[in-house]
PDB file of all heavy atoms in Angstrom:
ATOM      1  N   LEU A   1     -54.449   2.373  32.722  1.00  0.00           N
ATOM      2  CA  LEU A   1     -55.721   3.090  32.669  1.00  0.00           C
ATOM      3  C   LEU A   1     -55.589   4.354  33.568  1.00  0.00           C
ATOM      4  O   LEU A   1     -55.054   4.272  34.656  1.00  0.00           O
ATOM      5  CB  LEU A   1     -56.858   2.228  33.268  1.00  0.00           C
ATOM      6  CG  LEU A   1     -57.124   0.894  32.503  1.00  0.00           C
ATOM      7  CD1 LEU A   1     -58.126   0.058  33.298  1.00  0.00           C
ATOM      8  CD2 LEU A   1     -57.634   1.178  31.101  1.00  0.00           C
ATOM      9  N   SER A   2     -56.058   5.502  33.066  1.00  0.00           N
ATOM     10  CA  SER A   2     -55.891   6.733  33.798  1.00  0.00           C
ATOM     11  C   SER A   2     -57.207   7.536  33.777  1.00  0.00           C
ATOM     12  O   SER A   2     -58.029   7.441  32.872  1.00  0.00           O
ATOM     13  CB  SER A   2     -54.780   7.589  33.187  1.00  0.00           C
ATOM     14  OG  SER A   2     -55.103   7.926  31.835  1.00  0.00           O
ATOM     15  N   LEU A   3     -57.373   8.303  34.819  1.00  0.00           N
ATOM     16  CA  LEU A   3     -58.558   9.195  35.002  1.00  0.00           C
ATOM     17  C   LEU A   3     -58.086  10.535  35.507  1.00  0.00           C
ATOM     18  O   LEU A   3     -57.474  10.631  36.572  1.00  0.00           O
ATOM     19  CB  LEU A   3     -59.553   8.576  35.956  1.00  0.00           C
ATOM     20  CG  LEU A   3     -60.733   9.515  36.366  1.00  0.00           C
ATOM     21  CD1 LEU A   3     -61.588   9.850  35.149  1.00  0.00           C
ATOM     22  CD2 LEU A   3     -61.576   8.862  37.478  1.00  0.00           C
ATOM     23  N   GLN A   4     -58.330  11.594  34.711  1.00  0.00           N
ATOM     24  CA  GLN A   4     -57.944  12.948  35.095  1.00  0.00           C
ATOM     25  C   GLN A   4     -59.046  13.498  35.984  1.00  0.00           C
ATOM     26  O   GLN A   4     -60.003  14.161  35.520  1.00  0.00           O
ATOM     27  CB  GLN A   4     -57.765  13.849  33.864  1.00  0.00           C
ATOM     28  CG  GLN A   4     -57.222  15.223  34.166  1.00  0.00           C
ATOM     29  CD  GLN A   4     -55.711  15.238  34.360  1.00  0.00           C
ATOM     30  OE1 GLN A   4     -54.957  14.606  33.662  1.00  0.00           O
ATOM     31  NE2 GLN A   4     -55.268  15.978  35.408  1.00  0.00           N
ATOM     32  N   ALA A   5     -58.986  13.190  37.291  1.00  0.00           N
ATOM     33  CA  ALA A   5     -60.061  13.603  38.194  1.00  0.00           C
ATOM     34  C   ALA A   5     -60.140  15.101  38.399  1.00  0.00           C
ATOM     35  O   ALA A   5     -61.216  15.647  38.647  1.00  0.00           O
ATOM     36  CB  ALA A   5     -59.860  12.937  39.540  1.00  0.00           C
ATOM     37  N   ALA A   6     -58.989  15.757  38.269  1.00  0.00           N
ATOM     38  CA  ALA A   6     -58.917  17.220  38.449  1.00  0.00           C
ATOM     39  C   ALA A   6     -57.680  17.727  37.725  1.00  0.00           C
ATOM     40  O   ALA A   6     -56.826  16.914  37.386  1.00  0.00           O
ATOM     41  CB  ALA A   6     -58.887  17.606  39.935  1.00  0.00           C
ATOM     42  N   PRO A   7     -57.588  19.013  37.473  1.00  0.00           N
ATOM     43  CA  PRO A   7     -56.381  19.516  36.797  1.00  0.00           C
ATOM     44  C   PRO A   7     -55.048  19.182  37.495  1.00  0.00           C
ATOM     45  O   PRO A   7     -54.002  19.038  36.873  1.00  0.00           O
ATOM     46  CB  PRO A   7     -56.570  21.028  36.745  1.00  0.00           C
ATOM     47  CG  PRO A   7     -58.081  21.186  36.772  1.00  0.00           C
ATOM     48  CD  PRO A   7     -58.576  20.064  37.663  1.00  0.00           C
ATOM     49  N   THR A   8     -55.115  18.963  38.823  1.00  0.00           N
ATOM     50  CA  THR A   8     -53.888  18.638  39.563  1.00  0.00           C
ATOM     51  C   THR A   8     -53.897  17.243  40.124  1.00  0.00           C
ATOM     52  O   THR A   8     -53.113  16.920  41.034  1.00  0.00           O
ATOM     53  CB  THR A   8     -53.727  19.630  40.696  1.00  0.00           C
ATOM     54  OG1 THR A   8     -54.868  19.602  41.581  1.00  0.00           O
ATOM     55  CG2 THR A   8     -53.565  21.074  40.198  1.00  0.00           C
ATOM     56  N   ARG A   9     -54.842  16.379  39.687  1.00  0.00           N
ATOM     57  CA  ARG A   9     -54.926  15.038  40.259  1.00  0.00           C
ATOM     58  C   ARG A   9     -55.243  14.007  39.194  1.00  0.00           C
ATOM     59  O   ARG A   9     -56.254  14.197  38.460  1.00  0.00           O
ATOM     60  CB  ARG A   9     -55.980  15.008  41.406  1.00  0.00           C
ATOM     61  CG  ARG A   9     -56.026  13.679  42.157  1.00  0.00           C
ATOM     62  CD  ARG A   9     -56.845  13.774  43.438  1.00  0.00           C
ATOM     63  NE  ARG A   9     -58.227  14.001  43.183  1.00  0.00           N
ATOM     64  CZ  ARG A   9     -58.866  15.152  43.402  1.00  0.00           C
ATOM     65  NH1 ARG A   9     -58.187  16.192  43.927  1.00  0.00           N
ATOM     66  NH2 ARG A   9     -60.164  15.317  43.176  1.00  0.00           N
ATOM     67  N   VAL A  10     -54.467  12.946  39.126  1.00  0.00           N
ATOM     68  CA  VAL A  10     -54.649  11.890  38.147  1.00  0.00           C
ATOM     69  C   VAL A  10     -54.666  10.550  38.894  1.00  0.00           C
ATOM     70  O   VAL A  10     -53.786  10.321  39.705  1.00  0.00           O
ATOM     71  CB  VAL A  10     -53.559  11.890  37.087  1.00  0.00           C
ATOM     72  CG1 VAL A  10     -53.757  10.777  36.087  1.00  0.00           C
ATOM     73  CG2 VAL A  10     -53.500  13.211  36.357  1.00  0.00           C
ATOM     74  N   TRP A  11     -55.632   9.708  38.571  1.00  0.00           N
ATOM     75  CA  TRP A  11     -55.639   8.338  39.118  1.00  0.00           C
ATOM     76  C   TRP A  11     -55.212   7.394  38.036  1.00  0.00           C
ATOM     77  O   TRP A  11     -55.652   7.501  36.892  1.00  0.00           O
ATOM     78  CB  TRP A  11     -57.080   7.963  39.581  1.00  0.00           C
ATOM     79  CG  TRP A  11     -57.524   8.731  40.794  1.00  0.00           C
ATOM     80  CD1 TRP A  11     -58.239   9.872  40.829  1.00  0.00           C
ATOM     81  CD2 TRP A  11     -57.300   8.356  42.138  1.00  0.00           C
ATOM     82  NE1 TRP A  11     -58.495  10.272  42.115  1.00  0.00           N
ATOM     83  CE2 TRP A  11     -57.884   9.357  42.958  1.00  0.00           C
ATOM     84  CE3 TRP A  11     -56.656   7.268  42.788  1.00  0.00           C
ATOM     85  CZ2 TRP A  11     -57.934   9.303  44.341  1.00  0.00           C
ATOM     86  CZ3 TRP A  11     -56.653   7.234  44.174  1.00  0.00           C
ATOM     87  CH2 TRP A  11     -57.239   8.243  44.915  1.00  0.00           C
ATOM     88  N   LYS A  12     -54.336   6.450  38.402  1.00  0.00           N
ATOM     89  CA  LYS A  12     -53.818   5.479  37.439  1.00  0.00           C
ATOM     90  C   LYS A  12     -53.901   4.073  37.952  1.00  0.00           C
ATOM     91  O   LYS A  12     -53.666   3.864  39.156  1.00  0.00           O
ATOM     92  CB  LYS A  12     -52.378   5.778  37.051  1.00  0.00           C
ATOM     93  CG  LYS A  12     -52.172   6.930  36.110  1.00  0.00           C
ATOM     94  CD  LYS A  12     -50.718   7.074  35.684  1.00  0.00           C
ATOM     95  CE  LYS A  12     -50.550   8.224  34.685  1.00  0.00           C
ATOM     96  NZ  LYS A  12     -49.121   8.318  34.200  1.00  0.00           N
ATOM     97  N   LEU A  13     -54.223   3.138  37.094  1.00  0.00           N
ATOM     98  CA  LEU A  13     -54.164   1.695  37.413  1.00  0.00           C
ATOM     99  C   LEU A  13     -53.242   1.061  36.337  1.00  0.00           C
ATOM    100  O   LEU A  13     -53.601   1.129  35.143  1.00  0.00           O
ATOM    101  CB  LEU A  13     -55.568   1.098  37.342  1.00  0.00           C
ATOM    102  CG  LEU A  13     -55.636  -0.398  37.669  1.00  0.00           C
ATOM    103  CD1 LEU A  13     -55.154  -0.694  39.091  1.00  0.00           C
ATOM    104  CD2 LEU A  13     -57.035  -0.920  37.436  1.00  0.00           C
ATOM    105  N   GLU A  14     -52.130   0.498  36.772  1.00  0.00           N
ATOM    106  CA  GLU A  14     -51.108   0.028  35.824  1.00  0.00           C
ATOM    107  C   GLU A  14     -50.735  -1.440  36.132  1.00  0.00           C
ATOM    108  O   GLU A  14     -50.818  -1.876  37.266  1.00  0.00           O
ATOM    109  CB  GLU A  14     -49.825   0.888  35.947  1.00  0.00           C
ATOM    110  CG  GLU A  14     -50.052   2.358  35.673  1.00  0.00           C
ATOM    111  CD  GLU A  14     -48.713   3.160  35.861  1.00  0.00           C
ATOM    112  OE1 GLU A  14     -47.786   2.611  36.443  1.00  0.00           O
ATOM    113  OE2 GLU A  14     -48.723   4.292  35.407  1.00  0.00           O
ATOM    114  N   TYR A  15     -50.356  -2.094  35.067  1.00  0.00           N
ATOM    115  CA  TYR A  15     -49.724  -3.411  35.213  1.00  0.00           C
ATOM    116  C   TYR A  15     -48.648  -3.555  34.140  1.00  0.00           C
ATOM    117  O   TYR A  15     -48.832  -3.185  32.990  1.00  0.00           O
ATOM    118  CB  TYR A  15     -50.739  -4.552  35.000  1.00  0.00           C
ATOM    119  CG  TYR A  15     -50.066  -5.866  34.810  1.00  0.00           C
ATOM    120  CD1 TYR A  15     -49.573  -6.588  35.924  1.00  0.00           C
ATOM    121  CD2 TYR A  15     -49.926  -6.482  33.555  1.00  0.00           C
ATOM    122  CE1 TYR A  15     -48.898  -7.800  35.777  1.00  0.00           C
ATOM    123  CE2 TYR A  15     -49.283  -7.685  33.397  1.00  0.00           C
ATOM    124  CZ  TYR A  15     -48.760  -8.345  34.497  1.00  0.00           C
ATOM    125  OH  TYR A  15     -48.119  -9.534  34.363  1.00  0.00           O
ATOM    126  N   ASN A  16     -47.478  -4.038  34.586  1.00  0.00           N
ATOM    127  CA  ASN A  16     -46.418  -4.342  33.614  1.00  0.00           C
ATOM    128  C   ASN A  16     -45.520  -5.449  34.163  1.00  0.00           C
ATOM    129  O   ASN A  16     -45.558  -5.758  35.369  1.00  0.00           O
ATOM    130  CB  ASN A  16     -45.601  -3.098  33.251  1.00  0.00           C
ATOM    131  CG  ASN A  16     -44.864  -2.514  34.454  1.00  0.00           C
ATOM    132  OD1 ASN A  16     -43.886  -3.114  34.931  1.00  0.00           O
ATOM    133  ND2 ASN A  16     -45.273  -1.355  34.924  1.00  0.00           N
ATOM    134  N   THR A  17     -44.746  -6.003  33.297  1.00  0.00           N
ATOM    135  CA  THR A  17     -43.807  -7.098  33.634  1.00  0.00           C
ATOM    136  C   THR A  17     -42.434  -6.667  33.279  1.00  0.00           C
ATOM    137  O   THR A  17     -42.179  -6.060  32.183  1.00  0.00           O
ATOM    138  CB  THR A  17     -44.177  -8.376  32.868  1.00  0.00           C
ATOM    139  OG1 THR A  17     -45.499  -8.778  33.179  1.00  0.00           O
ATOM    140  CG2 THR A  17     -43.262  -9.521  33.285  1.00  0.00           C
ATOM    141  N   ARG A  18     -41.495  -6.926  34.183  1.00  0.00           N
ATOM    142  CA  ARG A  18     -40.080  -6.636  33.935  1.00  0.00           C
ATOM    143  C   ARG A  18     -39.269  -7.927  34.020  1.00  0.00           C
ATOM    144  O   ARG A  18     -39.654  -8.861  34.746  1.00  0.00           O
ATOM    145  CB  ARG A  18     -39.539  -5.632  34.956  1.00  0.00           C
ATOM    146  CG  ARG A  18     -40.390  -4.410  35.226  1.00  0.00           C
ATOM    147  CD  ARG A  18     -40.771  -3.657  33.969  1.00  0.00           C
ATOM    148  NE  ARG A  18     -39.629  -3.169  33.214  1.00  0.00           N
ATOM    149  CZ  ARG A  18     -39.663  -2.756  31.960  1.00  0.00           C
ATOM    150  NH1 ARG A  18     -40.823  -2.820  31.329  1.00  0.00           N
ATOM    151  NH2 ARG A  18     -38.601  -2.313  31.366  1.00  0.00           N
ATOM    152  N   VAL A  19     -38.187  -7.992  33.287  1.00  0.00           N
ATOM    153  CA  VAL A  19     -37.311  -9.165  33.243  1.00  0.00           C
ATOM    154  C   VAL A  19     -35.934  -8.736  33.698  1.00  0.00           C
ATOM    155  O   VAL A  19     -35.412  -7.701  33.277  1.00  0.00           O
ATOM    156  CB  VAL A  19     -37.256  -9.755  31.859  1.00  0.00           C
ATOM    157  CG1 VAL A  19     -36.248 -10.882  31.774  1.00  0.00           C
ATOM    158  CG2 VAL A  19     -38.656 -10.245  31.438  1.00  0.00           C
ATOM    159  N   LEU A  20     -35.303  -9.525  34.576  1.00  0.00           N
ATOM    160  CA  LEU A  20     -33.953  -9.279  35.035  1.00  0.00           C
ATOM    161  C   LEU A  20     -33.081 -10.451  34.660  1.00  0.00           C
ATOM    162  O   LEU A  20     -33.281 -11.585  35.170  1.00  0.00           O
ATOM    163  CB  LEU A  20     -33.923  -9.072  36.545  1.00  0.00           C
ATOM    164  CG  LEU A  20     -32.507  -8.831  37.144  1.00  0.00           C
ATOM    165  CD1 LEU A  20     -31.878  -7.597  36.554  1.00  0.00           C
ATOM    166  CD2 LEU A  20     -32.588  -8.735  38.683  1.00  0.00           C
ATOM    167  N   ARG A  21     -32.142 -10.227  33.701  1.00  0.00           N
ATOM    168  CA  ARG A  21     -31.226 -11.264  33.309  1.00  0.00           C
ATOM    169  C   ARG A  21     -29.920 -11.059  34.056  1.00  0.00           C
ATOM    170  O   ARG A  21     -29.491  -9.957  34.313  1.00  0.00           O
ATOM    171  CB  ARG A  21     -30.994 -11.231  31.800  1.00  0.00           C
ATOM    172  CG  ARG A  21     -32.265 -11.372  30.964  1.00  0.00           C
ATOM    173  CD  ARG A  21     -31.951 -11.419  29.470  1.00  0.00           C
ATOM    174  NE  ARG A  21     -33.172 -11.397  28.719  1.00  0.00           N
ATOM    175  CZ  ARG A  21     -33.715 -10.338  28.154  1.00  0.00           C
ATOM    176  NH1 ARG A  21     -33.133  -9.107  28.401  1.00  0.00           N
ATOM    177  NH2 ARG A  21     -34.845 -10.346  27.482  1.00  0.00           N
ATOM    178  N   PRO A  22     -29.202 -12.155  34.348  1.00  0.00           N
ATOM    179  CA  PRO A  22     -27.939 -12.002  35.092  1.00  0.00           C
ATOM    180  C   PRO A  22     -26.899 -11.316  34.265  1.00  0.00           C
ATOM    181  O   PRO A  22     -26.679 -11.670  33.085  1.00  0.00           O
ATOM    182  CB  PRO A  22     -27.554 -13.465  35.425  1.00  0.00           C
ATOM    183  CG  PRO A  22     -28.283 -14.288  34.432  1.00  0.00           C
ATOM    184  CD  PRO A  22     -29.551 -13.574  34.118  1.00  0.00           C
ATOM    185  N   GLY A  23     -26.209 -10.347  34.862  1.00  0.00           N
ATOM    186  CA  GLY A  23     -25.134  -9.662  34.158  1.00  0.00           C
ATOM    187  C   GLY A  23     -23.831 -10.412  34.313  1.00  0.00           C
ATOM    188  O   GLY A  23     -23.700 -11.395  35.001  1.00  0.00           O
ATOM    189  N   VAL A  24     -22.809  -9.859  33.610  1.00  0.00           N
ATOM    190  CA  VAL A  24     -21.543 -10.549  33.610  1.00  0.00           C
ATOM    191  C   VAL A  24     -20.921 -10.633  34.948  1.00  0.00           C
ATOM    192  O   VAL A  24     -20.218 -11.567  35.288  1.00  0.00           O
ATOM    193  CB  VAL A  24     -20.612  -9.844  32.569  1.00  0.00           C
ATOM    194  CG1 VAL A  24     -20.292  -8.438  32.998  1.00  0.00           C
ATOM    195  CG2 VAL A  24     -19.284 -10.656  32.433  1.00  0.00           C
ATOM    196  N   GLN A  25     -21.164  -9.607  35.820  1.00  0.00           N
ATOM    197  CA  GLN A  25     -20.588  -9.656  37.155  1.00  0.00           C
ATOM    198  C   GLN A  25     -21.117 -10.756  37.995  1.00  0.00           C
ATOM    199  O   GLN A  25     -20.486 -11.220  38.961  1.00  0.00           O
ATOM    200  CB  GLN A  25     -20.799  -8.308  37.868  1.00  0.00           C
ATOM    201  CG  GLN A  25     -22.237  -7.987  38.222  1.00  0.00           C
ATOM    202  CD  GLN A  25     -22.950  -7.242  37.126  1.00  0.00           C
ATOM    203  OE1 GLN A  25     -22.633  -7.423  35.930  1.00  0.00           O
ATOM    204  NE2 GLN A  25     -23.902  -6.407  37.495  1.00  0.00           N
ATOM    205  N   TYR A  26     -22.306 -11.253  37.650  1.00  0.00           N
ATOM    206  CA  TYR A  26     -22.879 -12.398  38.380  1.00  0.00           C
ATOM    207  C   TYR A  26     -22.529 -13.727  37.729  1.00  0.00           C
ATOM    208  O   TYR A  26     -22.654 -14.780  38.374  1.00  0.00           O
ATOM    209  CB  TYR A  26     -24.409 -12.269  38.469  1.00  0.00           C
ATOM    210  CG  TYR A  26     -24.834 -10.996  39.202  1.00  0.00           C
ATOM    211  CD1 TYR A  26     -25.385  -9.931  38.505  1.00  0.00           C
ATOM    212  CD2 TYR A  26     -24.681 -10.898  40.578  1.00  0.00           C
ATOM    213  CE1 TYR A  26     -25.778  -8.763  39.204  1.00  0.00           C
ATOM    214  CE2 TYR A  26     -25.049  -9.759  41.287  1.00  0.00           C
ATOM    215  CZ  TYR A  26     -25.576  -8.698  40.569  1.00  0.00           C
ATOM    216  OH  TYR A  26     -25.973  -7.554  41.221  1.00  0.00           O
ATOM    217  N   LEU A  27     -22.152 -13.709  36.458  1.00  0.00           N
ATOM    218  CA  LEU A  27     -21.820 -14.949  35.758  1.00  0.00           C
ATOM    219  C   LEU A  27     -20.319 -15.241  35.794  1.00  0.00           C
ATOM    220  O   LEU A  27     -19.895 -16.404  35.696  1.00  0.00           O
ATOM    221  CB  LEU A  27     -22.243 -14.861  34.296  1.00  0.00           C
ATOM    222  CG  LEU A  27     -23.754 -14.751  34.026  1.00  0.00           C
ATOM    223  CD1 LEU A  27     -24.000 -14.404  32.557  1.00  0.00           C
ATOM    224  CD2 LEU A  27     -24.464 -16.017  34.384  1.00  0.00           C
TER     225      LEU A  27
END
């Protein structure tokens, strides 16, 4: 969600999920 409060100022509210799978160097 974003709000352009002024030409040089933006407010944002964000949510996301990231996944980290083990790479070969860890396996």
